C-alpha cells in the first residue's frame, strides 16, 4: 500500500492503524501530532483510525530546547 509521509512516498506491507504506525517508526506517542489528509487525528482515536491507500500523513514531533 502506498502512502505519503511528510511529503515522501512510503510503502506499507500491511494495513495498520495510526498507533501501530507511530510505534513502527520508534516514536514516542506523547511527543507526536498526526495529520491524516490535512486533518488532525486526536491520539485517543489512533487505535481505531486505519491508514488507507494514498493517505497523506504529516508526522509532527515536538522537541524542547533552549
N, C-alpha and C. Protein backbone atom coordinates (compact mmCIF):
# COMPACT_ATOMS: atom_id res chain seq x y z
N UNK A 1 0.85 -1.16 0.00
CA UNK A 1 0.00 0.00 0.00
C UNK A 1 0.90 1.23 0.00
N UNK A 2 0.61 2.17 -0.89
CA UNK A 2 1.39 3.40 -0.99
C UNK A 2 0.71 4.52 -0.21
N UNK A 3 1.52 5.21 0.61
CA UNK A 3 1.05 6.39 1.34
C UNK A 3 2.12 7.46 1.24
N UNK A 4 1.76 8.67 1.58
CA UNK A 4 2.72 9.76 1.61
C UNK A 4 2.93 10.16 3.07
N UNK A 5 4.19 10.22 3.50
CA UNK A 5 4.51 10.60 4.87
C UNK A 5 5.46 11.79 4.81
N UNK A 6 5.01 12.91 5.34
CA UNK A 6 5.81 14.14 5.33
C UNK A 6 6.34 14.45 3.94
N UNK A 7 5.49 14.24 2.93
CA UNK A 7 5.85 14.58 1.56
C UNK A 7 6.59 13.50 0.79
N UNK A 8 6.95 12.40 1.43
CA UNK A 8 7.68 11.32 0.76
C UNK A 8 6.80 10.07 0.65
N UNK A 9 6.88 9.41 -0.49
CA UNK A 9 6.12 8.18 -0.69
C UNK A 9 6.74 7.04 0.13
N UNK A 10 5.89 6.27 0.78
CA UNK A 10 6.31 5.09 1.53
C UNK A 10 5.37 3.94 1.19
N UNK A 11 5.89 2.74 1.33
CA UNK A 11 5.09 1.53 1.11
C UNK A 11 4.88 0.83 2.45
N UNK A 12 3.63 0.53 2.75
CA UNK A 12 3.30 -0.27 3.93
C UNK A 12 2.99 -1.68 3.45
N UNK A 13 3.61 -2.65 4.07
CA UNK A 13 3.37 -4.05 3.70
C UNK A 13 1.98 -4.50 4.11
N UNK A 14 1.54 -4.02 5.28
CA UNK A 14 0.24 -4.43 5.81
C UNK A 14 -0.55 -3.21 6.24
N UNK A 15 -1.86 -3.36 6.25
CA UNK A 15 -2.70 -2.31 6.78
C UNK A 15 -2.43 -2.15 8.27
N UNK A 16 -2.45 -0.92 8.75
CA UNK A 16 -2.23 -0.70 10.18
C UNK A 16 -2.94 0.57 10.61
N UNK A 17 -3.12 0.67 11.92
CA UNK A 17 -3.73 1.88 12.46
C UNK A 17 -2.63 2.89 12.80
N UNK A 18 -3.03 4.09 13.17
CA UNK A 18 -2.05 5.14 13.44
C UNK A 18 -1.18 4.83 14.65
N UNK A 19 -1.75 4.21 15.67
CA UNK A 19 -0.98 3.85 16.87
C UNK A 19 0.16 2.91 16.49
N UNK A 20 -0.14 1.89 15.69
CA UNK A 20 0.89 0.94 15.27
C UNK A 20 1.91 1.59 14.34
N UNK A 21 1.45 2.52 13.50
CA UNK A 21 2.37 3.22 12.60
C UNK A 21 3.40 4.01 13.39
N UNK A 22 2.95 4.77 14.38
CA UNK A 22 3.87 5.56 15.20
C UNK A 22 4.84 4.64 15.93
N UNK A 23 4.34 3.53 16.46
CA UNK A 23 5.20 2.56 17.13
C UNK A 23 6.24 1.98 16.18
N UNK A 24 5.83 1.70 14.94
CA UNK A 24 6.75 1.10 13.97
C UNK A 24 7.88 2.05 13.59
N UNK A 25 7.64 3.35 13.77
CA UNK A 25 8.67 4.35 13.47
C UNK A 25 9.57 4.62 14.67
N UNK A 26 9.26 3.98 15.81
CA UNK A 26 10.08 4.15 17.01
C UNK A 26 9.89 5.51 17.67
N UNK A 27 8.74 6.11 17.47
CA UNK A 27 8.47 7.44 18.03
C UNK A 27 7.69 7.33 19.33
N UNK A 28 7.91 8.30 20.22
CA UNK A 28 7.15 8.37 21.46
C UNK A 28 5.75 8.91 21.13
N UNK A 29 4.73 8.24 21.59
CA UNK A 29 3.36 8.65 21.28
C UNK A 29 3.02 10.02 21.84
N UNK A 30 3.56 10.36 22.99
CA UNK A 30 3.20 11.62 23.64
C UNK A 30 3.83 12.83 22.98
N UNK A 31 4.87 12.66 22.18
CA UNK A 31 5.54 13.79 21.56
C UNK A 31 5.21 13.97 20.10
N UNK A 32 4.10 13.37 19.64
CA UNK A 32 3.78 13.37 18.21
C UNK A 32 2.35 13.87 17.98
N UNK A 33 2.18 14.64 16.91
CA UNK A 33 0.86 15.02 16.42
C UNK A 33 0.75 14.46 15.01
N UNK A 34 -0.39 13.86 14.69
CA UNK A 34 -0.60 13.28 13.36
C UNK A 34 -1.72 13.99 12.63
N UNK A 35 -1.45 14.31 11.37
CA UNK A 35 -2.47 14.80 10.46
C UNK A 35 -2.64 13.76 9.37
N UNK A 36 -3.86 13.39 9.11
CA UNK A 36 -4.17 12.46 8.02
C UNK A 36 -5.03 13.22 7.02
N UNK A 37 -4.52 13.34 5.81
CA UNK A 37 -5.21 14.10 4.77
C UNK A 37 -5.60 15.49 5.27
N UNK A 38 -4.61 16.14 5.92
CA UNK A 38 -4.71 17.53 6.41
C UNK A 38 -5.66 17.73 7.59
N UNK A 39 -6.03 16.65 8.26
CA UNK A 39 -6.88 16.77 9.45
C UNK A 39 -6.19 16.14 10.64
N UNK A 40 -6.14 16.87 11.75
CA UNK A 40 -5.52 16.35 12.98
C UNK A 40 -6.37 15.20 13.51
N UNK A 41 -5.71 14.10 13.87
CA UNK A 41 -6.39 12.97 14.49
C UNK A 41 -5.94 12.92 15.94
N UNK A 42 -6.88 13.07 16.87
CA UNK A 42 -6.55 13.03 18.29
C UNK A 42 -5.97 11.67 18.66
N UNK A 43 -5.01 11.69 19.57
CA UNK A 43 -4.31 10.48 19.99
C UNK A 43 -5.27 9.38 20.46
N UNK A 44 -6.35 9.76 21.07
CA UNK A 44 -7.31 8.77 21.57
C UNK A 44 -7.96 7.96 20.45
N UNK A 45 -7.93 8.49 19.22
CA UNK A 45 -8.53 7.80 18.08
C UNK A 45 -7.51 7.04 17.23
N UNK A 46 -6.23 7.13 17.56
CA UNK A 46 -5.20 6.44 16.78
C UNK A 46 -5.45 4.94 16.66
N UNK A 47 -5.85 4.23 17.74
CA UNK A 47 -6.04 2.78 17.60
C UNK A 47 -7.15 2.39 16.62
N UNK A 48 -8.12 3.26 16.40
CA UNK A 48 -9.22 2.90 15.51
C UNK A 48 -9.10 3.51 14.11
N UNK A 49 -8.17 4.45 13.92
CA UNK A 49 -8.00 5.09 12.61
C UNK A 49 -7.02 4.28 11.77
N UNK A 50 -7.54 3.59 10.76
CA UNK A 50 -6.73 2.74 9.89
C UNK A 50 -6.21 3.58 8.72
N UNK A 51 -4.96 3.39 8.38
CA UNK A 51 -4.34 4.07 7.25
C UNK A 51 -4.80 3.40 5.96
N UNK A 52 -5.23 4.21 5.00
CA UNK A 52 -5.73 3.71 3.72
C UNK A 52 -4.76 4.04 2.59
N UNK A 53 -4.90 3.30 1.50
CA UNK A 53 -4.12 3.56 0.29
C UNK A 53 -4.22 5.03 -0.10
N UNK A 54 -3.08 5.62 -0.44
CA UNK A 54 -2.98 7.01 -0.90
C UNK A 54 -3.25 8.06 0.17
N UNK A 55 -3.33 7.65 1.45
CA UNK A 55 -3.45 8.65 2.51
C UNK A 55 -2.18 9.48 2.57
N UNK A 56 -2.34 10.71 3.01
CA UNK A 56 -1.21 11.61 3.22
C UNK A 56 -1.10 11.88 4.71
N UNK A 57 0.03 11.49 5.30
CA UNK A 57 0.26 11.67 6.73
C UNK A 57 1.33 12.74 6.94
N UNK A 58 1.09 13.59 7.92
CA UNK A 58 2.11 14.51 8.39
C UNK A 58 2.38 14.13 9.83
N UNK A 59 3.63 13.86 10.13
CA UNK A 59 4.04 13.48 11.48
C UNK A 59 4.84 14.64 12.04
N UNK A 60 4.30 15.27 13.07
CA UNK A 60 4.95 16.42 13.70
C UNK A 60 5.43 16.01 15.08
N UNK A 61 6.72 16.25 15.34
CA UNK A 61 7.30 15.91 16.63
C UNK A 61 7.67 17.18 17.36
N UNK A 62 7.41 17.20 18.66
CA UNK A 62 7.77 18.33 19.48
C UNK A 62 9.13 18.07 20.10
N UNK A 63 9.99 19.05 19.99
CA UNK A 63 11.33 18.97 20.54
C UNK A 63 11.55 20.18 21.42
N UNK A 64 12.03 19.94 22.64
CA UNK A 64 12.31 21.07 23.52
C UNK A 64 13.79 21.39 23.47
N UNK A 65 14.08 22.59 23.74
CA UNK A 65 15.47 23.01 23.72
C UNK A 65 15.59 24.45 24.17
N UNK A 66 16.80 24.90 24.15
CA UNK A 66 16.97 26.28 24.63
C UNK A 66 17.83 27.09 23.76
